[in-house]
Amino acid sequence: MQDIPVDKLFGHFQNLPSPINLLSLSSDHNDLEEDMSTLEETKAAYNYLDNTILPTEIESVTKLLGSKKAPGPDKIRNEMIKAGI
């Protein structure tokens, strides 16, 4: 999907032959720019979720798993995971 610049999108709606209140559209445009800025900041904050999971991270987390716990819906017990690592 292609990203459309906000200014181009705003210009498109300005040129439509309809009784749109341009002052209202302009304030909506400013709100949209603020929302997009917030979205970009949020994406940057959660960007670490796209990092590769390292084998050492898996090993350290599996050590934290409790033993003798009931399995989940996948029927895999923690002991099975620990034995496989």
N, C-alpha and C. Protein backbone atom coordinates (compact mmCIF):
# COMPACT_ATOMS: atom_id res chain seq x y z
N MET A 1 0.85 -1.18 0.00
CA MET A 1 0.00 0.00 0.00
C MET A 1 0.89 1.23 0.00
N GLN A 2 0.52 2.20 -0.78
CA GLN A 2 1.31 3.42 -0.93
C GLN A 2 0.86 4.47 0.08
N ASP A 3 1.84 5.10 0.75
CA ASP A 3 1.51 6.20 1.66
C ASP A 3 1.24 7.46 0.85
N ILE A 4 0.20 8.17 1.23
CA ILE A 4 -0.15 9.42 0.55
C ILE A 4 0.22 10.56 1.48
N PRO A 5 1.01 11.53 1.01
CA PRO A 5 1.35 12.67 1.86
C PRO A 5 0.09 13.40 2.31
N VAL A 6 0.12 13.86 3.54
CA VAL A 6 -1.05 14.53 4.12
C VAL A 6 -1.41 15.78 3.33
N ASP A 7 -0.40 16.52 2.88
CA ASP A 7 -0.68 17.75 2.12
C ASP A 7 -1.41 17.44 0.81
N LYS A 8 -1.03 16.36 0.15
CA LYS A 8 -1.69 15.99 -1.10
C LYS A 8 -3.14 15.57 -0.83
N LEU A 9 -3.35 14.83 0.25
CA LEU A 9 -4.69 14.41 0.62
C LEU A 9 -5.55 15.62 0.97
N PHE A 10 -4.99 16.54 1.73
CA PHE A 10 -5.68 17.77 2.10
C PHE A 10 -6.05 18.56 0.85
N GLY A 11 -5.10 18.68 -0.09
CA GLY A 11 -5.35 19.41 -1.32
C GLY A 11 -6.46 18.77 -2.15
N HIS A 12 -6.49 17.45 -2.15
CA HIS A 12 -7.54 16.74 -2.89
C HIS A 12 -8.92 17.14 -2.37
N PHE A 13 -9.09 17.13 -1.05
CA PHE A 13 -10.39 17.45 -0.49
C PHE A 13 -10.72 18.94 -0.61
N GLN A 14 -9.70 19.78 -0.68
CA GLN A 14 -9.96 21.20 -0.90
C GLN A 14 -10.54 21.44 -2.30
N ASN A 15 -10.12 20.64 -3.27
CA ASN A 15 -10.54 20.83 -4.65
C ASN A 15 -11.85 20.14 -5.00
N LEU A 16 -12.44 19.42 -4.10
CA LEU A 16 -13.73 18.76 -4.37
C LEU A 16 -14.85 19.80 -4.45
N PRO A 17 -15.76 19.66 -5.39
CA PRO A 17 -16.86 20.62 -5.52
C PRO A 17 -17.97 20.31 -4.52
N SER A 18 -17.76 20.70 -3.29
CA SER A 18 -18.79 20.48 -2.28
C SER A 18 -18.73 21.61 -1.26
N PRO A 19 -19.80 21.78 -0.52
CA PRO A 19 -19.84 22.87 0.45
C PRO A 19 -19.12 22.53 1.76
N ILE A 20 -17.87 22.06 1.68
CA ILE A 20 -17.11 21.72 2.88
C ILE A 20 -16.61 23.02 3.51
N ASN A 21 -16.72 23.11 4.80
CA ASN A 21 -16.20 24.26 5.51
C ASN A 21 -14.68 24.12 5.58
N LEU A 22 -13.95 24.93 4.81
CA LEU A 22 -12.50 24.81 4.72
C LEU A 22 -11.81 25.14 6.03
N LEU A 23 -12.40 26.01 6.84
CA LEU A 23 -11.79 26.31 8.13
C LEU A 23 -11.83 25.09 9.04
N SER A 24 -12.96 24.41 9.01
CA SER A 24 -13.08 23.18 9.79
C SER A 24 -12.12 22.12 9.25
N LEU A 25 -12.01 22.03 7.94
CA LEU A 25 -11.12 21.06 7.32
C LEU A 25 -9.67 21.35 7.69
N SER A 26 -9.33 22.63 7.76
CA SER A 26 -7.98 23.03 8.12
C SER A 26 -7.66 22.62 9.55
N SER A 27 -8.60 22.81 10.48
CA SER A 27 -8.35 22.40 11.86
C SER A 27 -8.28 20.88 11.97
N ASP A 28 -9.11 20.18 11.17
CA ASP A 28 -9.03 18.72 11.15
C ASP A 28 -7.69 18.28 10.61
N HIS A 29 -7.18 19.01 9.63
CA HIS A 29 -5.87 18.72 9.04
C HIS A 29 -4.78 18.84 10.10
N ASN A 30 -4.86 19.88 10.92
CA ASN A 30 -3.88 20.06 11.99
C ASN A 30 -3.98 18.94 13.02
N ASP A 31 -5.21 18.55 13.35
CA ASP A 31 -5.39 17.45 14.29
C ASP A 31 -4.82 16.16 13.71
N LEU A 32 -5.02 15.95 12.42
CA LEU A 32 -4.51 14.75 11.76
C LEU A 32 -2.98 14.72 11.80
N GLU A 33 -2.36 15.89 11.56
CA GLU A 33 -0.90 15.96 11.62
C GLU A 33 -0.39 15.63 13.02
N GLU A 34 -1.09 16.12 14.05
CA GLU A 34 -0.71 15.82 15.43
C GLU A 34 -0.87 14.32 15.71
N ASP A 35 -1.97 13.74 15.24
CA ASP A 35 -2.20 12.30 15.43
C ASP A 35 -1.13 11.48 14.73
N MET A 36 -0.75 11.89 13.52
CA MET A 36 0.29 11.17 12.78
C MET A 36 1.62 11.26 13.50
N SER A 37 1.92 12.42 14.05
CA SER A 37 3.16 12.60 14.81
C SER A 37 3.17 11.70 16.03
N THR A 38 2.04 11.63 16.73
CA THR A 38 1.93 10.75 17.89
C THR A 38 2.10 9.29 17.49
N LEU A 39 1.51 8.93 16.35
CA LEU A 39 1.63 7.56 15.86
C LEU A 39 3.08 7.21 15.56
N GLU A 40 3.81 8.12 14.93
CA GLU A 40 5.22 7.88 14.63
C GLU A 40 6.03 7.73 15.91
N GLU A 41 5.73 8.52 16.93
CA GLU A 41 6.42 8.40 18.21
C GLU A 41 6.11 7.05 18.86
N THR A 42 4.87 6.62 18.77
CA THR A 42 4.48 5.33 19.34
C THR A 42 5.17 4.19 18.60
N LYS A 43 5.23 4.29 17.26
CA LYS A 43 5.92 3.25 16.49
C LYS A 43 7.38 3.17 16.90
N ALA A 44 8.01 4.31 17.10
CA ALA A 44 9.42 4.33 17.50
C ALA A 44 9.60 3.71 18.88
N ALA A 45 8.64 3.96 19.78
CA ALA A 45 8.74 3.42 21.13
C ALA A 45 8.62 1.90 21.15
N TYR A 46 7.83 1.33 20.25
CA TYR A 46 7.61 -0.11 20.22
C TYR A 46 8.43 -0.81 19.14
N ASN A 47 9.34 -0.11 18.51
CA ASN A 47 10.14 -0.67 17.44
C ASN A 47 10.99 -1.85 17.91
N TYR A 48 11.35 -1.89 19.20
CA TYR A 48 12.16 -2.98 19.71
C TYR A 48 11.45 -4.33 19.58
N LEU A 49 10.15 -4.33 19.42
CA LEU A 49 9.41 -5.59 19.29
C LEU A 49 9.73 -6.31 17.98
N ASP A 50 10.30 -5.58 17.02
CA ASP A 50 10.67 -6.18 15.74
C ASP A 50 12.07 -6.80 15.76
N ASN A 51 12.77 -6.66 16.87
CA ASN A 51 14.12 -7.21 16.96
C ASN A 51 14.09 -8.74 16.95
N THR A 52 15.19 -9.33 16.53
CA THR A 52 15.32 -10.78 16.51
C THR A 52 15.42 -11.30 17.94
N ILE A 53 14.75 -12.41 18.21
CA ILE A 53 14.83 -13.04 19.53
C ILE A 53 16.09 -13.91 19.55
N LEU A 54 16.95 -13.66 20.51
CA LEU A 54 18.22 -14.38 20.60
C LEU A 54 18.06 -15.67 21.39
N PRO A 55 18.84 -16.69 21.07
CA PRO A 55 18.79 -17.95 21.83
C PRO A 55 19.08 -17.74 23.32
N THR A 56 19.95 -16.83 23.65
CA THR A 56 20.24 -16.57 25.07
C THR A 56 19.01 -16.01 25.80
N GLU A 57 18.20 -15.21 25.09
CA GLU A 57 16.98 -14.69 25.70
C GLU A 57 15.99 -15.82 25.97
N ILE A 58 15.88 -16.76 25.04
CA ILE A 58 14.97 -17.90 25.23
C ILE A 58 15.44 -18.74 26.41
N GLU A 59 16.73 -18.99 26.48
CA GLU A 59 17.28 -19.79 27.58
C GLU A 59 17.03 -19.13 28.93
N SER A 60 17.24 -17.83 29.02
CA SER A 60 17.06 -17.14 30.30
C SER A 60 15.59 -17.14 30.73
N VAL A 61 14.68 -17.03 29.77
CA VAL A 61 13.26 -17.01 30.11
C VAL A 61 12.76 -18.41 30.49
N THR A 62 13.26 -19.43 29.82
CA THR A 62 12.81 -20.79 30.15
C THR A 62 13.27 -21.19 31.54
N LYS A 63 14.37 -20.64 32.02
CA LYS A 63 14.82 -20.92 33.39
C LYS A 63 13.83 -20.37 34.42
N LEU A 64 13.08 -19.37 34.04
CA LEU A 64 12.11 -18.75 34.95
C LEU A 64 10.78 -19.52 35.01
N LEU A 65 10.57 -20.45 34.08
CA LEU A 65 9.32 -21.21 34.06
C LEU A 65 9.23 -22.09 35.29
N GLY A 66 8.08 -22.08 35.92
CA GLY A 66 7.86 -22.94 37.09
C GLY A 66 7.64 -24.38 36.69
N SER A 67 8.02 -25.29 37.58
CA SER A 67 7.81 -26.73 37.33
C SER A 67 6.50 -27.16 37.98
N LYS A 68 6.02 -28.30 37.55
CA LYS A 68 4.80 -28.90 38.10
C LYS A 68 3.60 -27.96 37.97
N LYS A 69 3.52 -27.30 36.83
CA LYS A 69 2.38 -26.44 36.54
C LYS A 69 1.50 -27.11 35.49
N ALA A 70 0.23 -26.81 35.52
CA ALA A 70 -0.69 -27.39 34.55
C ALA A 70 -0.37 -26.86 33.15
N PRO A 71 -0.46 -27.71 32.13
CA PRO A 71 -0.20 -27.24 30.76
C PRO A 71 -1.33 -26.34 30.28
N GLY A 72 -1.01 -25.54 29.29
CA GLY A 72 -2.02 -24.67 28.69
C GLY A 72 -2.82 -25.43 27.65
N PRO A 73 -3.57 -24.72 26.82
CA PRO A 73 -4.40 -25.37 25.81
C PRO A 73 -3.58 -26.16 24.78
N ASP A 74 -2.28 -25.84 24.66
CA ASP A 74 -1.44 -26.58 23.72
C ASP A 74 -0.94 -27.90 24.30
N LYS A 75 -1.23 -28.15 25.58
CA LYS A 75 -0.86 -29.39 26.29
C LYS A 75 0.66 -29.56 26.45
N ILE A 76 1.40 -28.47 26.33
CA ILE A 76 2.85 -28.54 26.51
C ILE A 76 3.17 -28.08 27.93
N ARG A 77 3.82 -28.97 28.67
CA ARG A 77 4.19 -28.66 30.05
C ARG A 77 5.51 -27.90 30.08
N ASN A 78 5.71 -27.12 31.10
CA ASN A 78 6.96 -26.37 31.25
C ASN A 78 8.17 -27.29 31.27
N GLU A 79 8.02 -28.46 31.88
CA GLU A 79 9.14 -29.41 31.94
C GLU A 79 9.57 -29.85 30.53
N MET A 80 8.59 -29.97 29.62
CA MET A 80 8.91 -30.35 28.24
C MET A 80 9.72 -29.25 27.56
N ILE A 81 9.35 -28.00 27.80
CA ILE A 81 10.07 -26.89 27.20
C ILE A 81 11.49 -26.83 27.75
N LYS A 82 11.61 -26.98 29.09
CA LYS A 82 12.94 -26.94 29.70
C LYS A 82 13.83 -28.07 29.21
N ALA A 83 13.26 -29.24 29.00
CA ALA A 83 14.05 -30.39 28.54
C ALA A 83 14.50 -30.20 27.09
N GLY A 84 13.73 -29.45 26.32
CA GLY A 84 14.07 -29.23 24.92
C GLY A 84 15.12 -28.15 24.71
N ILE A 85 15.35 -27.35 25.72
CA ILE A 85 16.33 -26.24 25.58
C ILE A 85 17.67 -26.66 26.02
